[in-house]
């Protein structure tokens, strides 16, 4: 059984966070998930032993390299856009580190102008919901929709 008390874990050698999440709940939360960068101590404390392979990456470098290779292998800017938001949905730490490293290259793909194409093809490239969707067809629902978000 896993302990349900809050566990402290060091993130990138400096920040400390406390969470009651354990096991798959940690891996499903993009703000907590660090993938293979979790140390053995963090894996034990967070109930991740057995849920990740035995490989522990000493830092983010290998993950950044692998993520950039996946990004680069996409055949269009729209596919790169979708890949990046899927990465954000699974591992926000890796997403932001990758964006920071390749900002000038990736910014036009994640935001303008590619986001315009993603909006036009929303039903084809749907990813995890984020934000709030307001409809001009339902102005009377704006307050309810904002409250729900």
N, C-alpha and C. Protein backbone atom coordinates (compact mmCIF):
# COMPACT_ATOMS: atom_id res chain seq x y z
N UNK A 1 0.83 -1.19 0.00
CA UNK A 1 0.00 0.00 0.00
C UNK A 1 0.87 1.25 0.00
N UNK A 2 0.35 2.28 -0.64
CA UNK A 2 1.08 3.54 -0.71
C UNK A 2 0.58 4.47 0.38
N UNK A 3 1.48 5.22 0.92
CA UNK A 3 1.15 6.21 1.93
C UNK A 3 0.31 7.31 1.29
N UNK A 4 -0.68 7.80 1.98
CA UNK A 4 -1.54 8.86 1.45
C UNK A 4 -1.17 10.23 2.00
N UNK A 5 -0.11 10.33 2.78
CA UNK A 5 0.29 11.65 3.29
C UNK A 5 1.07 12.40 2.21
N UNK A 6 1.15 13.69 2.36
CA UNK A 6 1.86 14.49 1.37
C UNK A 6 3.33 14.15 1.38
N UNK A 7 3.89 14.01 0.21
CA UNK A 7 5.30 13.70 0.05
C UNK A 7 5.99 14.87 -0.61
N UNK A 8 7.16 15.22 -0.09
CA UNK A 8 7.95 16.27 -0.73
C UNK A 8 8.84 15.63 -1.77
N UNK A 9 9.01 16.28 -2.87
CA UNK A 9 9.90 15.80 -3.92
C UNK A 9 10.64 16.99 -4.50
N UNK A 10 11.90 16.81 -4.79
CA UNK A 10 12.69 17.89 -5.35
C UNK A 10 12.53 17.88 -6.86
N UNK A 11 12.26 19.04 -7.43
CA UNK A 11 12.11 19.19 -8.87
C UNK A 11 13.30 19.98 -9.38
N UNK A 12 14.06 19.39 -10.27
CA UNK A 12 15.21 20.02 -10.91
C UNK A 12 16.16 20.63 -9.89
N UNK A 13 16.32 19.94 -8.75
CA UNK A 13 17.33 20.32 -7.78
C UNK A 13 17.02 21.54 -6.93
N UNK A 14 15.89 22.23 -7.16
CA UNK A 14 15.64 23.46 -6.42
C UNK A 14 14.26 23.50 -5.79
N UNK A 15 13.24 23.40 -6.57
CA UNK A 15 11.88 23.56 -6.07
C UNK A 15 11.41 22.31 -5.35
N UNK A 16 10.59 22.50 -4.32
CA UNK A 16 10.00 21.39 -3.60
C UNK A 16 8.49 21.51 -3.75
N UNK A 17 7.84 20.40 -4.05
CA UNK A 17 6.39 20.41 -4.11
C UNK A 17 5.86 19.33 -3.19
N UNK A 18 4.64 19.50 -2.74
CA UNK A 18 3.98 18.50 -1.91
C UNK A 18 2.74 18.03 -2.65
N UNK A 19 2.52 16.74 -2.64
CA UNK A 19 1.34 16.19 -3.29
C UNK A 19 0.88 14.95 -2.56
N UNK A 20 -0.42 14.70 -2.59
CA UNK A 20 -0.97 13.47 -2.05
C UNK A 20 -1.18 12.45 -3.17
N UNK A 21 -0.96 12.88 -4.41
CA UNK A 21 -1.15 11.99 -5.56
C UNK A 21 -0.13 10.85 -5.50
N UNK A 22 -0.54 9.69 -5.95
CA UNK A 22 0.33 8.51 -5.97
C UNK A 22 0.10 7.73 -7.27
N UNK A 23 1.11 6.99 -7.66
CA UNK A 23 1.01 6.08 -8.79
C UNK A 23 0.59 6.75 -10.08
N UNK A 24 -0.40 6.13 -10.73
CA UNK A 24 -0.86 6.64 -12.02
C UNK A 24 -1.40 8.06 -11.93
N UNK A 25 -1.92 8.46 -10.76
CA UNK A 25 -2.40 9.83 -10.63
C UNK A 25 -1.26 10.83 -10.83
N UNK A 26 -0.06 10.49 -10.42
CA UNK A 26 1.11 11.34 -10.65
C UNK A 26 1.45 11.37 -12.13
N UNK A 27 1.46 10.20 -12.75
CA UNK A 27 1.83 10.11 -14.17
C UNK A 27 0.80 10.75 -15.08
N UNK A 28 -0.46 10.78 -14.67
CA UNK A 28 -1.52 11.38 -15.48
C UNK A 28 -1.60 12.89 -15.34
N UNK A 29 -0.95 13.43 -14.31
CA UNK A 29 -1.00 14.87 -14.07
C UNK A 29 0.20 15.52 -14.76
N UNK A 30 -0.02 16.27 -15.83
CA UNK A 30 1.11 16.83 -16.57
C UNK A 30 1.96 17.81 -15.76
N UNK A 31 1.41 18.35 -14.69
CA UNK A 31 2.18 19.27 -13.87
C UNK A 31 3.06 18.53 -12.86
N UNK A 32 2.78 17.25 -12.62
CA UNK A 32 3.59 16.44 -11.71
C UNK A 32 4.52 15.49 -12.46
N UNK A 33 4.11 15.03 -13.61
CA UNK A 33 4.84 13.99 -14.34
C UNK A 33 6.18 14.50 -14.86
N UNK A 34 7.25 13.79 -14.52
CA UNK A 34 8.59 14.10 -15.04
C UNK A 34 9.12 12.91 -15.84
N UNK A 35 8.28 11.92 -16.09
CA UNK A 35 8.71 10.77 -16.87
C UNK A 35 9.88 10.05 -16.22
N UNK A 36 10.88 9.74 -17.02
CA UNK A 36 12.02 8.97 -16.54
C UNK A 36 12.99 9.77 -15.68
N UNK A 37 12.73 11.06 -15.48
CA UNK A 37 13.61 11.89 -14.67
C UNK A 37 13.32 11.72 -13.17
N UNK A 38 12.22 11.08 -12.79
CA UNK A 38 11.97 10.80 -11.38
C UNK A 38 13.13 9.98 -10.83
N UNK A 39 13.66 10.40 -9.69
CA UNK A 39 14.73 9.63 -9.05
C UNK A 39 14.14 8.38 -8.42
N UNK A 40 15.00 7.45 -8.04
CA UNK A 40 14.54 6.23 -7.37
C UNK A 40 13.81 6.58 -6.07
N UNK A 41 14.31 7.56 -5.34
CA UNK A 41 13.67 7.99 -4.09
C UNK A 41 12.29 8.57 -4.35
N UNK A 42 12.17 9.41 -5.38
CA UNK A 42 10.87 9.99 -5.73
C UNK A 42 9.90 8.90 -6.20
N UNK A 43 10.40 7.95 -6.98
CA UNK A 43 9.53 6.86 -7.46
C UNK A 43 8.97 6.07 -6.29
N UNK A 44 9.81 5.80 -5.31
CA UNK A 44 9.37 5.05 -4.14
C UNK A 44 8.34 5.86 -3.35
N UNK A 45 8.64 7.14 -3.10
CA UNK A 45 7.75 7.99 -2.30
C UNK A 45 6.41 8.24 -2.99
N UNK A 46 6.41 8.28 -4.31
CA UNK A 46 5.20 8.60 -5.06
C UNK A 46 4.48 7.37 -5.61
N UNK A 47 4.94 6.18 -5.24
CA UNK A 47 4.28 4.96 -5.69
C UNK A 47 4.45 4.68 -7.16
N UNK A 48 5.61 5.03 -7.71
CA UNK A 48 5.85 4.86 -9.14
C UNK A 48 6.69 3.64 -9.46
N UNK A 49 7.23 3.00 -8.44
CA UNK A 49 8.05 1.81 -8.67
C UNK A 49 7.20 0.75 -9.36
N UNK A 50 7.67 0.29 -10.49
CA UNK A 50 6.94 -0.69 -11.28
C UNK A 50 6.04 -0.06 -12.33
N UNK A 51 5.76 1.23 -12.22
CA UNK A 51 4.93 1.91 -13.22
C UNK A 51 5.78 2.55 -14.31
N UNK A 52 7.06 2.72 -14.03
CA UNK A 52 8.03 3.23 -14.99
C UNK A 52 9.12 2.18 -15.15
N UNK A 53 9.79 2.19 -16.26
CA UNK A 53 10.91 1.27 -16.43
C UNK A 53 11.99 1.57 -15.41
N UNK A 54 12.99 0.70 -15.33
CA UNK A 54 14.05 0.88 -14.35
C UNK A 54 15.00 2.02 -14.68
N UNK A 55 14.99 2.47 -15.93
CA UNK A 55 15.90 3.53 -16.35
C UNK A 55 15.54 4.83 -15.65
N UNK A 56 16.53 5.46 -15.05
CA UNK A 56 16.37 6.78 -14.46
C UNK A 56 17.31 7.71 -15.21
N UNK A 57 16.74 8.71 -15.86
CA UNK A 57 17.57 9.68 -16.56
C UNK A 57 18.11 10.67 -15.53
N UNK A 58 19.41 10.91 -15.53
CA UNK A 58 19.99 11.80 -14.53
C UNK A 58 19.52 13.25 -14.68
N UNK A 59 19.09 13.61 -15.85
CA UNK A 59 18.59 14.96 -16.08
C UNK A 59 17.66 14.92 -17.29
N UNK A 60 17.22 16.05 -17.71
CA UNK A 60 16.23 16.16 -18.77
C UNK A 60 16.82 16.01 -20.18
N UNK A 61 18.12 15.99 -20.32
CA UNK A 61 18.76 16.03 -21.64
C UNK A 61 18.30 14.94 -22.59
N UNK A 62 18.27 13.69 -22.14
CA UNK A 62 17.85 12.59 -23.03
C UNK A 62 16.40 12.76 -23.46
N UNK A 63 15.55 13.15 -22.51
CA UNK A 63 14.15 13.36 -22.84
C UNK A 63 13.96 14.50 -23.83
N UNK A 64 14.74 15.57 -23.65
CA UNK A 64 14.68 16.69 -24.59
C UNK A 64 15.12 16.27 -25.99
N UNK A 65 16.18 15.49 -26.05
CA UNK A 65 16.68 15.03 -27.34
C UNK A 65 15.64 14.15 -28.04
N UNK A 66 15.07 13.21 -27.28
CA UNK A 66 14.08 12.29 -27.85
C UNK A 66 12.82 13.06 -28.28
N UNK A 67 12.36 13.98 -27.44
CA UNK A 67 11.16 14.76 -27.77
C UNK A 67 11.39 15.62 -29.02
N UNK A 68 12.58 16.20 -29.13
CA UNK A 68 12.87 17.03 -30.30
C UNK A 68 12.93 16.16 -31.56
N UNK A 69 13.46 14.96 -31.46
CA UNK A 69 13.47 14.04 -32.61
C UNK A 69 12.05 13.71 -33.04
N UNK A 70 11.16 13.45 -32.07
CA UNK A 70 9.75 13.17 -32.40
C UNK A 70 9.11 14.39 -33.06
N UNK A 71 9.36 15.54 -32.49
CA UNK A 71 8.83 16.78 -33.04
C UNK A 71 9.29 16.96 -34.48
N UNK A 72 10.59 16.81 -34.71
CA UNK A 72 11.18 17.02 -36.04
C UNK A 72 10.69 16.01 -37.06
N UNK A 73 10.29 14.84 -36.61
CA UNK A 73 9.86 13.79 -37.54
C UNK A 73 8.44 14.00 -38.05
N UNK A 74 7.69 14.94 -37.47
CA UNK A 74 6.32 15.19 -37.92
C UNK A 74 6.34 15.80 -39.32
N UNK A 75 5.37 15.43 -40.14
CA UNK A 75 5.40 15.82 -41.56
C UNK A 75 4.77 17.18 -41.89
N UNK A 76 4.21 17.85 -40.90
CA UNK A 76 3.63 19.18 -41.16
C UNK A 76 3.65 19.99 -39.87
N UNK A 77 3.48 21.29 -40.02
CA UNK A 77 3.42 22.14 -38.83
C UNK A 77 2.21 21.80 -37.97
N UNK A 78 1.10 21.43 -38.61
CA UNK A 78 -0.08 21.05 -37.85
C UNK A 78 0.20 19.79 -37.02
N UNK A 79 0.87 18.81 -37.61
CA UNK A 79 1.22 17.59 -36.87
C UNK A 79 2.18 17.92 -35.72
N UNK A 80 3.10 18.85 -35.94
CA UNK A 80 4.01 19.29 -34.88
C UNK A 80 3.22 19.98 -33.77
N UNK A 81 2.24 20.79 -34.15
CA UNK A 81 1.38 21.48 -33.19
C UNK A 81 0.67 20.45 -32.29
N UNK A 82 0.08 19.45 -32.92
CA UNK A 82 -0.64 18.42 -32.17
C UNK A 82 0.33 17.66 -31.27
N UNK A 83 1.50 17.31 -31.77
CA UNK A 83 2.50 16.61 -30.95
C UNK A 83 2.85 17.43 -29.70
N UNK A 84 3.07 18.73 -29.89
CA UNK A 84 3.47 19.56 -28.76
C UNK A 84 2.37 19.65 -27.70
N UNK A 85 1.10 19.75 -28.13
CA UNK A 85 0.04 19.83 -27.13
C UNK A 85 -0.20 18.48 -26.47
N UNK A 86 0.05 17.39 -27.16
CA UNK A 86 -0.03 16.07 -26.52
C UNK A 86 1.09 15.94 -25.50
N UNK A 87 2.27 16.46 -25.83
CA UNK A 87 3.37 16.46 -24.86
C UNK A 87 3.00 17.30 -23.65
N UNK A 88 2.42 18.47 -23.89
CA UNK A 88 1.98 19.33 -22.78
C UNK A 88 0.98 18.61 -21.89
N UNK A 89 0.09 17.83 -22.51
CA UNK A 89 -0.94 17.11 -21.75
C UNK A 89 -0.38 15.95 -20.93
N UNK A 90 0.82 15.49 -21.25
CA UNK A 90 1.38 14.36 -20.51
C UNK A 90 2.55 14.76 -19.62
N UNK A 91 3.34 15.75 -20.03
CA UNK A 91 4.54 16.11 -19.26
C UNK A 91 4.84 17.59 -19.50
N UNK A 92 4.21 18.45 -18.71
CA UNK A 92 4.36 19.89 -18.89
C UNK A 92 5.81 20.34 -18.67
N UNK A 93 6.51 19.68 -17.78
CA UNK A 93 7.91 20.04 -17.53
C UNK A 93 8.74 19.88 -18.79
N UNK A 94 8.59 18.74 -19.47
CA UNK A 94 9.32 18.49 -20.71
C UNK A 94 8.86 19.44 -21.81
N UNK A 95 7.56 19.69 -21.90
CA UNK A 95 7.02 20.62 -22.89
C UNK A 95 7.69 21.99 -22.77
N UNK A 96 7.69 22.55 -21.56
CA UNK A 96 8.24 23.89 -21.38
C UNK A 96 9.75 23.92 -21.56
N UNK A 97 10.44 22.86 -21.15
CA UNK A 97 11.90 22.80 -21.37
C UNK A 97 12.20 22.75 -22.86
N UNK A 98 11.43 21.98 -23.62
CA UNK A 98 11.63 21.88 -25.06
C UNK A 98 11.31 23.21 -25.74
N UNK A 99 10.22 23.84 -25.34
CA UNK A 99 9.86 25.15 -25.89
C UNK A 99 10.96 26.18 -25.61
N UNK A 100 11.48 26.15 -24.40
CA UNK A 100 12.52 27.11 -24.02
C UNK A 100 13.77 26.92 -24.88
N UNK A 101 14.13 25.67 -25.12
CA UNK A 101 15.33 25.38 -25.88
C UNK A 101 15.19 25.74 -27.35
N UNK A 102 13.99 25.59 -27.93
CA UNK A 102 13.76 25.81 -29.36
C UNK A 102 12.67 26.85 -29.60
N UNK A 103 12.66 27.89 -28.80
CA UNK A 103 11.57 28.86 -28.80
C UNK A 103 11.30 29.48 -30.17
N UNK A 104 12.32 29.98 -30.82
CA UNK A 104 12.10 30.66 -32.10
C UNK A 104 11.57 29.71 -33.17
N UNK A 105 11.99 28.46 -33.14
CA UNK A 105 11.51 27.47 -34.10
C UNK A 105 10.08 27.03 -33.79
N UNK A 106 9.78 26.84 -32.50
CA UNK A 106 8.51 26.22 -32.12
C UNK A 106 7.37 27.21 -31.88
N UNK A 107 7.67 28.43 -31.56
CA UNK A 107 6.62 29.39 -31.26
C UNK A 107 5.61 29.55 -32.40
N UNK A 108 6.06 29.66 -33.68
CA UNK A 108 5.07 29.75 -34.76
C UNK A 108 4.26 28.46 -34.97
N UNK A 109 4.74 27.35 -34.44
CA UNK A 109 4.02 26.08 -34.58
C UNK A 109 3.00 25.92 -33.45
N UNK A 110 3.39 26.28 -32.25
CA UNK A 110 2.50 26.11 -31.10
C UNK A 110 1.47 27.24 -31.04
N UNK A 111 1.85 28.42 -31.48
CA UNK A 111 0.93 29.57 -31.47
C UNK A 111 0.65 30.01 -32.91
N UNK A 112 0.74 31.28 -33.16
CA UNK A 112 0.48 31.80 -34.50
C UNK A 112 1.65 31.52 -35.43
N UNK A 113 1.43 31.13 -36.65
CA UNK A 113 0.17 31.05 -37.40
C UNK A 113 -0.49 29.66 -37.37
N UNK A 114 0.22 28.64 -36.87
CA UNK A 114 -0.31 27.26 -36.95
C UNK A 114 -1.56 27.08 -36.11
N UNK A 115 -1.70 27.82 -35.02
CA UNK A 115 -2.89 27.68 -34.18
C UNK A 115 -4.15 28.03 -34.98
N UNK A 116 -4.03 28.92 -35.95
CA UNK A 116 -5.17 29.25 -36.81
C UNK A 116 -5.64 28.03 -37.59
N UNK A 117 -4.69 27.30 -38.16
CA UNK A 117 -5.03 26.07 -38.88
C UNK A 117 -5.63 25.04 -37.93
N UNK A 118 -5.08 24.95 -36.72
CA UNK A 118 -5.61 24.00 -35.74
C UNK A 118 -7.04 24.34 -35.36
N UNK A 119 -7.35 25.61 -35.27
CA UNK A 119 -8.72 26.03 -34.96
C UNK A 119 -9.65 25.67 -36.11
N UNK A 120 -9.20 25.92 -37.34
CA UNK A 120 -10.02 25.57 -38.51
C UNK A 120 -10.30 24.07 -38.58
N UNK A 121 -9.34 23.27 -38.13
CA UNK A 121 -9.46 21.81 -38.20
C UNK A 121 -9.66 21.21 -36.82
N UNK A 122 -10.31 21.96 -35.95
CA UNK A 122 -10.47 21.57 -34.56
C UNK A 122 -10.98 20.15 -34.39
N UNK A 123 -11.99 19.77 -35.13
CA UNK A 123 -12.57 18.43 -34.97
C UNK A 123 -11.61 17.33 -35.41
N UNK A 124 -10.62 17.68 -36.23
CA UNK A 124 -9.64 16.68 -36.69
C UNK A 124 -8.44 16.59 -35.77
N UNK A 125 -8.16 17.63 -35.00
CA UNK A 125 -6.95 17.66 -34.17
C UNK A 125 -7.28 17.87 -32.70
N UNK A 126 -8.45 17.47 -32.28
CA UNK A 126 -8.90 17.67 -30.91
C UNK A 126 -7.91 17.04 -29.92
N UNK A 127 -7.53 17.81 -28.92
CA UNK A 127 -6.68 17.30 -27.85
C UNK A 127 -7.42 17.53 -26.53
N UNK A 128 -6.76 17.27 -25.46
CA UNK A 128 -7.35 17.44 -24.13
C UNK A 128 -7.91 18.86 -23.99
N UNK A 129 -9.13 18.99 -23.46
CA UNK A 129 -9.70 20.34 -23.32
C UNK A 129 -8.89 21.20 -22.35
N UNK A 130 -8.74 22.44 -22.70
CA UNK A 130 -8.09 23.41 -21.82
C UNK A 130 -8.77 24.75 -22.05
N UNK A 131 -8.82 25.56 -21.04
CA UNK A 131 -9.46 26.85 -21.19
C UNK A 131 -10.97 26.74 -21.13
N UNK A 132 -11.63 27.67 -21.76
CA UNK A 132 -13.08 27.71 -21.77
C UNK A 132 -13.55 28.02 -23.19
N UNK A 133 -14.63 27.39 -23.59
CA UNK A 133 -15.19 27.60 -24.93
C UNK A 133 -16.46 28.43 -24.79
N UNK A 134 -16.42 29.62 -25.36
CA UNK A 134 -17.57 30.51 -25.36
C UNK A 134 -18.16 30.53 -26.75
N UNK A 135 -19.47 30.51 -26.82
CA UNK A 135 -20.14 30.45 -28.12
C UNK A 135 -20.94 31.71 -28.36
N UNK A 136 -20.75 32.29 -29.54
CA UNK A 136 -21.54 33.46 -29.93
C UNK A 136 -23.01 33.09 -30.07
N UNK A 137 -23.27 31.81 -30.30
CA UNK A 137 -24.65 31.34 -30.45
C UNK A 137 -25.38 31.24 -29.11
N UNK A 138 -24.62 31.28 -28.00
CA UNK A 138 -25.23 31.13 -26.67
C UNK A 138 -24.71 32.19 -25.70
N UNK A 139 -24.95 33.46 -25.97
CA UNK A 139 -24.42 34.52 -25.09
C UNK A 139 -24.99 34.45 -23.67
N UNK A 140 -26.18 33.86 -23.53
CA UNK A 140 -26.80 33.75 -22.22
C UNK A 140 -26.10 32.71 -21.33
N UNK A 141 -25.21 31.90 -21.91
CA UNK A 141 -24.50 30.85 -21.15
C UNK A 141 -23.09 31.25 -20.75
N UNK A 142 -22.67 32.46 -21.10
CA UNK A 142 -21.27 32.86 -20.87
C UNK A 142 -20.91 32.77 -19.39
N UNK A 143 -21.72 33.33 -18.51
CA UNK A 143 -21.39 33.29 -17.09
C UNK A 143 -21.31 31.87 -16.58
N UNK A 144 -22.23 30.99 -16.97
CA UNK A 144 -22.21 29.60 -16.54
C UNK A 144 -20.96 28.90 -17.04
N UNK A 145 -20.58 29.15 -18.29
CA UNK A 145 -19.39 28.52 -18.87
C UNK A 145 -18.12 29.01 -18.16
N UNK A 146 -18.06 30.29 -17.85
CA UNK A 146 -16.90 30.83 -17.13
C UNK A 146 -16.81 30.24 -15.73
N UNK A 147 -17.95 30.09 -15.05
CA UNK A 147 -17.96 29.47 -13.73
C UNK A 147 -17.49 28.02 -13.80
N UNK A 148 -17.89 27.30 -14.83
CA UNK A 148 -17.51 25.89 -14.98
C UNK A 148 -16.00 25.74 -15.18
N UNK A 149 -15.40 26.73 -15.82
CA UNK A 149 -13.94 26.66 -16.08
C UNK A 149 -13.18 26.94 -14.80
